[in-house]
Amino acid sequence: MRLSRRFEEIESSFQCLMEAARTELSESECAEIQEYVDVGEYGLALRTAFAIYAEENKIASIAVRELIHRLASAMAIDVDQLLGRLPN
């Protein structure tokens, strides 16, 4: 797969994640994640999303968890380690 196509898919998945998370995260939390996405820092964006959910003890919906799983897999990040940190 071409690298640019992979980045397009990751960015598209992040946009879906941001839309799904809007009911769970504050506007400022979403903006913090979006800042990293906007500059192509996808790893930091994903880790920031995890940190917000974990530190604020927020429950991620099934849709958010699935998108996080998809993103982590696409970026070769240990999915199980990150999802294990999310509150149930």
PDB file of N, CA and C in Angstrom:
ATOM      1  N   MET A   1       0.849  -1.176   0.000  1.00  0.00           N
ATOM      2  CA  MET A   1       0.000   0.000   0.000  1.00  0.00           C
ATOM      3  C   MET A   1       0.894   1.238   0.000  1.00  0.00           C
ATOM      4  N   ARG A   2       0.542   2.194  -0.810  1.00  0.00           N
ATOM      5  CA  ARG A   2       1.318   3.429  -0.853  1.00  0.00           C
ATOM      6  C   ARG A   2       1.233   4.144   0.486  1.00  0.00           C
ATOM      7  N   LEU A   3       2.325   4.800   0.832  1.00  0.00           N
ATOM      8  CA  LEU A   3       2.406   5.490   2.114  1.00  0.00           C
ATOM      9  C   LEU A   3       1.362   6.598   2.217  1.00  0.00           C
ATOM     10  N   SER A   4       1.165   7.358   1.140  1.00  0.00           N
ATOM     11  CA  SER A   4       0.189   8.448   1.187  1.00  0.00           C
ATOM     12  C   SER A   4      -1.226   7.909   1.403  1.00  0.00           C
ATOM     13  N   ARG A   5      -1.523   6.771   0.815  1.00  0.00           N
ATOM     14  CA  ARG A   5      -2.844   6.153   1.006  1.00  0.00           C
ATOM     15  C   ARG A   5      -3.027   5.735   2.463  1.00  0.00           C
ATOM     16  N   ARG A   6      -1.955   5.205   3.048  1.00  0.00           N
ATOM     17  CA  ARG A   6      -2.016   4.785   4.454  1.00  0.00           C
ATOM     18  C   ARG A   6      -2.285   5.988   5.357  1.00  0.00           C
ATOM     19  N   PHE A   7      -1.596   7.101   5.087  1.00  0.00           N
ATOM     20  CA  PHE A   7      -1.823   8.303   5.885  1.00  0.00           C
ATOM     21  C   PHE A   7      -3.246   8.827   5.708  1.00  0.00           C
ATOM     22  N   GLU A   8      -3.765   8.743   4.497  1.00  0.00           N
ATOM     23  CA  GLU A   8      -5.144   9.165   4.252  1.00  0.00           C
ATOM     24  C   GLU A   8      -6.118   8.327   5.075  1.00  0.00           C
ATOM     25  N   GLU A   9      -5.879   7.018   5.133  1.00  0.00           N
ATOM     26  CA  GLU A   9      -6.749   6.135   5.910  1.00  0.00           C
ATOM     27  C   GLU A   9      -6.655   6.443   7.400  1.00  0.00           C
ATOM     28  N   ILE A  10      -5.446   6.700   7.879  1.00  0.00           N
ATOM     29  CA  ILE A  10      -5.262   7.033   9.294  1.00  0.00           C
ATOM     30  C   ILE A  10      -5.965   8.344   9.610  1.00  0.00           C
ATOM     31  N   GLU A  11      -5.782   9.344   8.753  1.00  0.00           N
ATOM     32  CA  GLU A  11      -6.422  10.631   8.990  1.00  0.00           C
ATOM     33  C   GLU A  11      -7.945  10.507   8.948  1.00  0.00           C
ATOM     34  N   SER A  12      -8.452   9.720   8.024  1.00  0.00           N
ATOM     35  CA  SER A  12      -9.894   9.493   7.935  1.00  0.00           C
ATOM     36  C   SER A  12     -10.413   8.803   9.196  1.00  0.00           C
ATOM     37  N   SER A  13      -9.665   7.824   9.685  1.00  0.00           N
ATOM     38  CA  SER A  13     -10.061   7.127  10.918  1.00  0.00           C
ATOM     39  C   SER A  13     -10.045   8.076  12.108  1.00  0.00           C
ATOM     40  N   PHE A  14      -9.074   8.994  12.136  1.00  0.00           N
ATOM     41  CA  PHE A  14      -9.040   9.976  13.218  1.00  0.00           C
ATOM     42  C   PHE A  14     -10.255  10.892  13.162  1.00  0.00           C
ATOM     43  N   GLN A  15     -10.669  11.279  11.964  1.00  0.00           N
ATOM     44  CA  GLN A  15     -11.850  12.130  11.854  1.00  0.00           C
ATOM     45  C   GLN A  15     -13.088  11.391  12.364  1.00  0.00           C
ATOM     46  N   CYS A  16     -13.184  10.109  12.058  1.00  0.00           N
ATOM     47  CA  CYS A  16     -14.287   9.291  12.586  1.00  0.00           C
ATOM     48  C   CYS A  16     -14.202   9.194  14.104  1.00  0.00           C
ATOM     49  N   LEU A  17     -12.988   9.019  14.613  1.00  0.00           N
ATOM     50  CA  LEU A  17     -12.788   8.948  16.065  1.00  0.00           C
ATOM     51  C   LEU A  17     -13.222  10.245  16.726  1.00  0.00           C
ATOM     52  N   MET A  18     -12.820  11.368  16.153  1.00  0.00           N
ATOM     53  CA  MET A  18     -13.174  12.655  16.750  1.00  0.00           C
ATOM     54  C   MET A  18     -14.690  12.852  16.754  1.00  0.00           C
ATOM     55  N   GLU A  19     -15.336  12.440  15.685  1.00  0.00           N
ATOM     56  CA  GLU A  19     -16.793  12.561  15.622  1.00  0.00           C
ATOM     57  C   GLU A  19     -17.452  11.667  16.675  1.00  0.00           C
ATOM     58  N   ALA A  20     -16.984  10.446  16.814  1.00  0.00           N
ATOM     59  CA  ALA A  20     -17.553   9.508  17.788  1.00  0.00           C
ATOM     60  C   ALA A  20     -17.283   9.941  19.221  1.00  0.00           C
ATOM     61  N   ALA A  21     -16.161  10.601  19.452  1.00  0.00           N
ATOM     62  CA  ALA A  21     -15.770  10.983  20.812  1.00  0.00           C
ATOM     63  C   ALA A  21     -16.390  12.300  21.266  1.00  0.00           C
ATOM     64  N   ARG A  22     -17.011  13.031  20.375  1.00  0.00           N
ATOM     65  CA  ARG A  22     -17.548  14.360  20.728  1.00  0.00           C
ATOM     66  C   ARG A  22     -18.546  14.322  21.881  1.00  0.00           C
ATOM     67  N   THR A  23     -19.280  13.227  22.016  1.00  0.00           N
ATOM     68  CA  THR A  23     -20.254  13.146  23.108  1.00  0.00           C
ATOM     69  C   THR A  23     -19.597  12.710  24.416  1.00  0.00           C
ATOM     70  N   GLU A  24     -18.352  12.253  24.340  1.00  0.00           N
ATOM     71  CA  GLU A  24     -17.659  11.737  25.524  1.00  0.00           C
ATOM     72  C   GLU A  24     -16.565  12.670  26.034  1.00  0.00           C
ATOM     73  N   LEU A  25     -16.025  13.487  25.144  1.00  0.00           N
ATOM     74  CA  LEU A  25     -14.926  14.380  25.507  1.00  0.00           C
ATOM     75  C   LEU A  25     -15.376  15.828  25.414  1.00  0.00           C
ATOM     76  N   SER A  26     -14.713  16.682  26.181  1.00  0.00           N
ATOM     77  CA  SER A  26     -15.029  18.105  26.122  1.00  0.00           C
ATOM     78  C   SER A  26     -14.483  18.704  24.830  1.00  0.00           C
ATOM     79  N   GLU A  27     -14.932  19.896  24.534  1.00  0.00           N
ATOM     80  CA  GLU A  27     -14.460  20.594  23.338  1.00  0.00           C
ATOM     81  C   GLU A  27     -12.948  20.817  23.399  1.00  0.00           C
ATOM     82  N   SER A  28     -12.441  21.177  24.570  1.00  0.00           N
ATOM     83  CA  SER A  28     -10.998  21.421  24.698  1.00  0.00           C
ATOM     84  C   SER A  28     -10.197  20.122  24.574  1.00  0.00           C
ATOM     85  N   GLU A  29     -10.742  19.019  25.064  1.00  0.00           N
ATOM     86  CA  GLU A  29     -10.059  17.725  24.924  1.00  0.00           C
ATOM     87  C   GLU A  29      -9.996  17.308  23.455  1.00  0.00           C
ATOM     88  N   CYS A  30     -11.098  17.493  22.748  1.00  0.00           N
ATOM     89  CA  CYS A  30     -11.114  17.181  21.316  1.00  0.00           C
ATOM     90  C   CYS A  30     -10.138  18.077  20.559  1.00  0.00           C
ATOM     91  N   ALA A  31     -10.096  19.350  20.933  1.00  0.00           N
ATOM     92  CA  ALA A  31      -9.183  20.289  20.272  1.00  0.00           C
ATOM     93  C   ALA A  31      -7.733  19.897  20.495  1.00  0.00           C
ATOM     94  N   GLU A  32      -7.419  19.423  21.697  1.00  0.00           N
ATOM     95  CA  GLU A  32      -6.051  18.997  22.002  1.00  0.00           C
ATOM     96  C   GLU A  32      -5.633  17.836  21.101  1.00  0.00           C
ATOM     97  N   ILE A  33      -6.503  16.870  20.935  1.00  0.00           N
ATOM     98  CA  ILE A  33      -6.217  15.726  20.064  1.00  0.00           C
ATOM     99  C   ILE A  33      -6.114  16.191  18.614  1.00  0.00           C
ATOM    100  N   GLN A  34      -7.047  17.039  18.197  1.00  0.00           N
ATOM    101  CA  GLN A  34      -7.091  17.510  16.813  1.00  0.00           C
ATOM    102  C   GLN A  34      -5.833  18.282  16.433  1.00  0.00           C
ATOM    103  N   GLU A  35      -5.247  19.004  17.378  1.00  0.00           N
ATOM    104  CA  GLU A  35      -4.008  19.746  17.097  1.00  0.00           C
ATOM    105  C   GLU A  35      -2.911  18.807  16.614  1.00  0.00           C
ATOM    106  N   TYR A  36      -2.792  17.645  17.237  1.00  0.00           N
ATOM    107  CA  TYR A  36      -1.780  16.671  16.816  1.00  0.00           C
ATOM    108  C   TYR A  36      -2.118  16.072  15.452  1.00  0.00           C
ATOM    109  N   VAL A  37      -3.395  15.792  15.225  1.00  0.00           N
ATOM    110  CA  VAL A  37      -3.812  15.237  13.936  1.00  0.00           C
ATOM    111  C   VAL A  37      -3.499  16.234  12.818  1.00  0.00           C
ATOM    112  N   ASP A  38      -3.779  17.502  13.071  1.00  0.00           N
ATOM    113  CA  ASP A  38      -3.586  18.535  12.051  1.00  0.00           C
ATOM    114  C   ASP A  38      -2.143  18.651  11.575  1.00  0.00           C
ATOM    115  N   VAL A  39      -1.192  18.326  12.440  1.00  0.00           N
ATOM    116  CA  VAL A  39       0.228  18.423  12.054  1.00  0.00           C
ATOM    117  C   VAL A  39       0.831  17.051  11.753  1.00  0.00           C
ATOM    118  N   GLY A  40      -0.027  16.030  11.648  1.00  0.00           N
ATOM    119  CA  GLY A  40       0.444  14.702  11.270  1.00  0.00           C
ATOM    120  C   GLY A  40       1.117  13.918  12.379  1.00  0.00           C
ATOM    121  N   GLU A  41       0.937  14.335  13.622  1.00  0.00           N
ATOM    122  CA  GLU A  41       1.508  13.617  14.773  1.00  0.00           C
ATOM    123  C   GLU A  41       0.475  12.608  15.273  1.00  0.00           C
ATOM    124  N   TYR A  42       0.241  11.582  14.464  1.00  0.00           N
ATOM    125  CA  TYR A  42      -0.829  10.629  14.744  1.00  0.00           C
ATOM    126  C   TYR A  42      -0.580   9.803  16.004  1.00  0.00           C
ATOM    127  N   GLY A  43       0.650   9.422  16.232  1.00  0.00           N
ATOM    128  CA  GLY A  43       0.976   8.663  17.441  1.00  0.00           C
ATOM    129  C   GLY A  43       0.688   9.467  18.695  1.00  0.00           C
ATOM    130  N   LEU A  44       1.092  10.743  18.688  1.00  0.00           N
ATOM    131  CA  LEU A  44       0.815  11.611  19.836  1.00  0.00           C
ATOM    132  C   LEU A  44      -0.683  11.849  19.991  1.00  0.00           C
ATOM    133  N   ALA A  45      -1.378  11.975  18.880  1.00  0.00           N
ATOM    134  CA  ALA A  45      -2.829  12.175  18.943  1.00  0.00           C
ATOM    135  C   ALA A  45      -3.507  10.980  19.602  1.00  0.00           C
ATOM    136  N   LEU A  46      -3.109   9.788  19.202  1.00  0.00           N
ATOM    137  CA  LEU A  46      -3.723   8.585  19.768  1.00  0.00           C
ATOM    138  C   LEU A  46      -3.367   8.432  21.244  1.00  0.00           C
ATOM    139  N   ARG A  47      -2.113   8.665  21.585  1.00  0.00           N
ATOM    140  CA  ARG A  47      -1.700   8.561  22.988  1.00  0.00           C
ATOM    141  C   ARG A  47      -2.376   9.632  23.849  1.00  0.00           C
ATOM    142  N   THR A  48      -2.601  10.808  23.289  1.00  0.00           N
ATOM    143  CA  THR A  48      -3.309  11.863  24.012  1.00  0.00           C
ATOM    144  C   THR A  48      -4.757  11.456  24.259  1.00  0.00           C
ATOM    145  N   ALA A  49      -5.395  10.873  23.257  1.00  0.00           N
ATOM    146  CA  ALA A  49      -6.774  10.404  23.433  1.00  0.00           C
ATOM    147  C   ALA A  49      -6.841   9.371  24.547  1.00  0.00           C
ATOM    148  N   PHE A  50      -5.899   8.415  24.539  1.00  0.00           N
ATOM    149  CA  PHE A  50      -5.853   7.409  25.602  1.00  0.00           C
ATOM    150  C   PHE A  50      -5.660   8.059  26.957  1.00  0.00           C
ATOM    151  N   ALA A  51      -4.735   8.992  27.031  1.00  0.00           N
ATOM    152  CA  ALA A  51      -4.436   9.648  28.305  1.00  0.00           C
ATOM    153  C   ALA A  51      -5.664  10.372  28.840  1.00  0.00           C
ATOM    154  N   ILE A  52      -6.386  11.036  27.971  1.00  0.00           N
ATOM    155  CA  ILE A  52      -7.588  11.756  28.406  1.00  0.00           C
ATOM    156  C   ILE A  52      -8.618  10.776  28.957  1.00  0.00           C
ATOM    157  N   TYR A  53      -8.880   9.710  28.224  1.00  0.00           N
ATOM    158  CA  TYR A  53      -9.852   8.723  28.707  1.00  0.00           C
ATOM    159  C   TYR A  53      -9.398   8.105  30.029  1.00  0.00           C
ATOM    160  N   ALA A  54      -8.129   7.748  30.126  1.00  0.00           N
ATOM    161  CA  ALA A  54      -7.621   7.072  31.326  1.00  0.00           C
ATOM    162  C   ALA A  54      -7.558   8.015  32.523  1.00  0.00           C
ATOM    163  N   GLU A  55      -6.978   9.198  32.336  1.00  0.00           N
ATOM    164  CA  GLU A  55      -6.780  10.121  33.457  1.00  0.00           C
ATOM    165  C   GLU A  55      -8.080  10.731  33.947  1.00  0.00           C
ATOM    166  N   GLU A  56      -9.009  10.951  33.029  1.00  0.00           N
ATOM    167  CA  GLU A  56     -10.294  11.548  33.406  1.00  0.00           C
ATOM    168  C   GLU A  56     -11.337  10.482  33.733  1.00  0.00           C
ATOM    169  N   ASN A  57     -10.922   9.211  33.672  1.00  0.00           N
ATOM    170  CA  ASN A  57     -11.801   8.082  33.974  1.00  0.00           C
ATOM    171  C   ASN A  57     -13.086   8.120  33.136  1.00  0.00           C
ATOM    172  N   LYS A  58     -12.912   8.399  31.850  1.00  0.00           N
ATOM    173  CA  LYS A  58     -14.046   8.473  30.931  1.00  0.00           C
ATOM    174  C   LYS A  58     -14.235   7.116  30.263  1.00  0.00           C
ATOM    175  N   ILE A  59     -15.476   6.758  30.068  1.00  0.00           N
ATOM    176  CA  ILE A  59     -15.811   5.484  29.440  1.00  0.00           C
ATOM    177  C   ILE A  59     -15.896   5.686  27.926  1.00  0.00           C
ATOM    178  N   ALA A  60     -15.101   4.929  27.180  1.00  0.00           N
ATOM    179  CA  ALA A  60     -15.123   4.996  25.718  1.00  0.00           C
ATOM    180  C   ALA A  60     -16.224   4.085  25.188  1.00  0.00           C
ATOM    181  N   SER A  61     -17.002   4.607  24.263  1.00  0.00           N
ATOM    182  CA  SER A  61     -18.058   3.804  23.637  1.00  0.00           C
ATOM    183  C   SER A  61     -17.435   2.679  22.810  1.00  0.00           C
ATOM    184  N   ILE A  62     -18.266   1.750  22.418  1.00  0.00           N
ATOM    185  CA  ILE A  62     -17.795   0.647  21.576  1.00  0.00           C
ATOM    186  C   ILE A  62     -17.234   1.199  20.266  1.00  0.00           C
ATOM    187  N   ALA A  63     -17.912   2.183  19.686  1.00  0.00           N
ATOM    188  CA  ALA A  63     -17.437   2.775  18.427  1.00  0.00           C
ATOM    189  C   ALA A  63     -16.057   3.396  18.601  1.00  0.00           C
ATOM    190  N   VAL A  64     -15.853   4.107  19.702  1.00  0.00           N
ATOM    191  CA  VAL A  64     -14.552   4.730  19.968  1.00  0.00           C
ATOM    192  C   VAL A  64     -13.491   3.659  20.160  1.00  0.00           C
ATOM    193  N   ARG A  65     -13.822   2.626  20.910  1.00  0.00           N
ATOM    194  CA  ARG A  65     -12.851   1.538  21.131  1.00  0.00           C
ATOM    195  C   ARG A  65     -12.470   0.862  19.812  1.00  0.00           C
ATOM    196  N   GLU A  66     -13.441   0.651  18.934  1.00  0.00           N
ATOM    197  CA  GLU A  66     -13.154   0.026  17.636  1.00  0.00           C
ATOM    198  C   GLU A  66     -12.266   0.922  16.777  1.00  0.00           C
ATOM    199  N   LEU A  67     -12.526   2.219  16.796  1.00  0.00           N
ATOM    200  CA  LEU A  67     -11.697   3.151  16.027  1.00  0.00           C
ATOM    201  C   LEU A  67     -10.287   3.230  16.594  1.00  0.00           C
ATOM    202  N   ILE A  68     -10.176   3.219  17.906  1.00  0.00           N
ATOM    203  CA  ILE A  68      -8.857   3.213  18.539  1.00  0.00           C
ATOM    204  C   ILE A  68      -8.100   1.952  18.137  1.00  0.00           C
ATOM    205  N   HIS A  69      -8.790   0.831  18.140  1.00  0.00           N
ATOM    206  CA  HIS A  69      -8.170  -0.439  17.742  1.00  0.00           C
ATOM    207  C   HIS A  69      -7.685  -0.357  16.292  1.00  0.00           C
ATOM    208  N   ARG A  70      -8.525   0.160  15.416  1.00  0.00           N
ATOM    209  CA  ARG A  70      -8.163   0.287  14.003  1.00  0.00           C
ATOM    210  C   ARG A  70      -6.940   1.192  13.831  1.00  0.00           C
ATOM    211  N   LEU A  71      -6.940   2.329  14.526  1.00  0.00           N
ATOM    212  CA  LEU A  71      -5.818   3.263  14.418  1.00  0.00           C
ATOM    213  C   LEU A  71      -4.529   2.671  14.970  1.00  0.00           C
ATOM    214  N   ALA A  72      -4.621   2.067  16.134  1.00  0.00           N
ATOM    215  CA  ALA A  72      -3.418   1.489  16.747  1.00  0.00           C
ATOM    216  C   ALA A  72      -2.836   0.398  15.852  1.00  0.00           C
ATOM    217  N   SER A  73      -3.686  -0.425  15.283  1.00  0.00           N
ATOM    218  CA  SER A  73      -3.217  -1.478  14.376  1.00  0.00           C
ATOM    219  C   SER A  73      -2.542  -0.880  13.148  1.00  0.00           C
ATOM    220  N   ALA A  74      -3.152   0.140  12.573  1.00  0.00           N
ATOM    221  CA  ALA A  74      -2.593   0.783  11.381  1.00  0.00           C
ATOM    222  C   ALA A  74      -1.249   1.440  11.662  1.00  0.00           C
ATOM    223  N   MET A  75      -1.055   1.865  12.910  1.00  0.00           N
ATOM    224  CA  MET A  75       0.189   2.554  13.268  1.00  0.00           C
ATOM    225  C   MET A  75       1.169   1.640  13.990  1.00  0.00           C
ATOM    226  N   ALA A  76       0.867   0.352  14.038  1.00  0.00           N
ATOM    227  CA  ALA A  76       1.742  -0.647  14.682  1.00  0.00           C
ATOM    228  C   ALA A  76       2.017  -0.315  16.145  1.00  0.00           C
ATOM    229  N   ILE A  77       0.959   0.114  16.847  1.00  0.00           N
ATOM    230  CA  ILE A  77       1.029   0.386  18.284  1.00  0.00           C
ATOM    231  C   ILE A  77       0.355  -0.780  18.996  1.00  0.00           C
ATOM    232  N   ASP A  78       0.886  -1.189  20.133  1.00  0.00           N
ATOM    233  CA  ASP A  78       0.333  -2.314  20.896  1.00  0.00           C
ATOM    234  C   ASP A  78      -1.088  -1.981  21.359  1.00  0.00           C
ATOM    235  N   VAL A  79      -2.057  -2.525  20.648  1.00  0.00           N
ATOM    236  CA  VAL A  79      -3.466  -2.241  20.898  1.00  0.00           C
ATOM    237  C   VAL A  79      -3.902  -2.710  22.277  1.00  0.00           C
ATOM    238  N   ASP A  80      -3.541  -3.923  22.651  1.00  0.00           N
ATOM    239  CA  ASP A  80      -3.997  -4.494  23.915  1.00  0.00           C
ATOM    240  C   ASP A  80      -3.502  -3.692  25.109  1.00  0.00           C
ATOM    241  N   GLN A  81      -2.266  -3.234  25.046  1.00  0.00           N
ATOM    242  CA  GLN A  81      -1.716  -2.442  26.143  1.00  0.00           C
ATOM    243  C   GLN A  81      -2.502  -1.141  26.308  1.00  0.00           C
ATOM    244  N   LEU A  82      -2.815  -0.487  25.197  1.00  0.00           N
ATOM    245  CA  LEU A  82      -3.536   0.776  25.277  1.00  0.00           C
ATOM    246  C   LEU A  82      -4.986   0.572  25.687  1.00  0.00           C
ATOM    247  N   LEU A  83      -5.678  -0.374  25.060  1.00  0.00           N
ATOM    248  CA  LEU A  83      -7.082  -0.597  25.408  1.00  0.00           C
ATOM    249  C   LEU A  83      -7.233  -1.059  26.847  1.00  0.00           C
ATOM    250  N   GLY A  84      -6.251  -1.754  27.369  1.00  0.00           N
ATOM    251  CA  GLY A  84      -6.282  -2.194  28.758  1.00  0.00           C
ATOM    252  C   GLY A  84      -6.259  -1.051  29.748  1.00  0.00           C
ATOM    253  N   ARG A  85      -5.791   0.116  29.310  1.00  0.00           N
ATOM    254  CA  ARG A  85      -5.736   1.288  30.182  1.00  0.00           C
ATOM    255  C   ARG A  85      -7.057   2.045  30.243  1.00  0.00           C
ATOM    256  N   LEU A  86      -7.969   1.744  29.323  1.00  0.00           N
ATOM    257  CA  LEU A  86      -9.234   2.478  29.296  1.00  0.00           C
ATOM    258  C   LEU A  86     -10.171   1.981  30.387  1.00  0.00           C
ATOM    259  N   PRO A  87     -10.860   2.916  31.051  1.00  0.00           N
ATOM    260  CA  PRO A  87     -11.850   2.506  32.063  1.00  0.00           C
ATOM    261  C   PRO A  87     -12.988   1.731  31.404  1.00  0.00           C
ATOM    262  N   ASN A  88     -13.563   0.801  32.152  1.00  0.00           N
ATOM    263  CA  ASN A  88     -14.697   0.020  31.639  1.00  0.00           C
ATOM    264  C   ASN A  88     -16.001   0.585  32.114  1.00  0.00           C
TER     265      ASN A  88
END
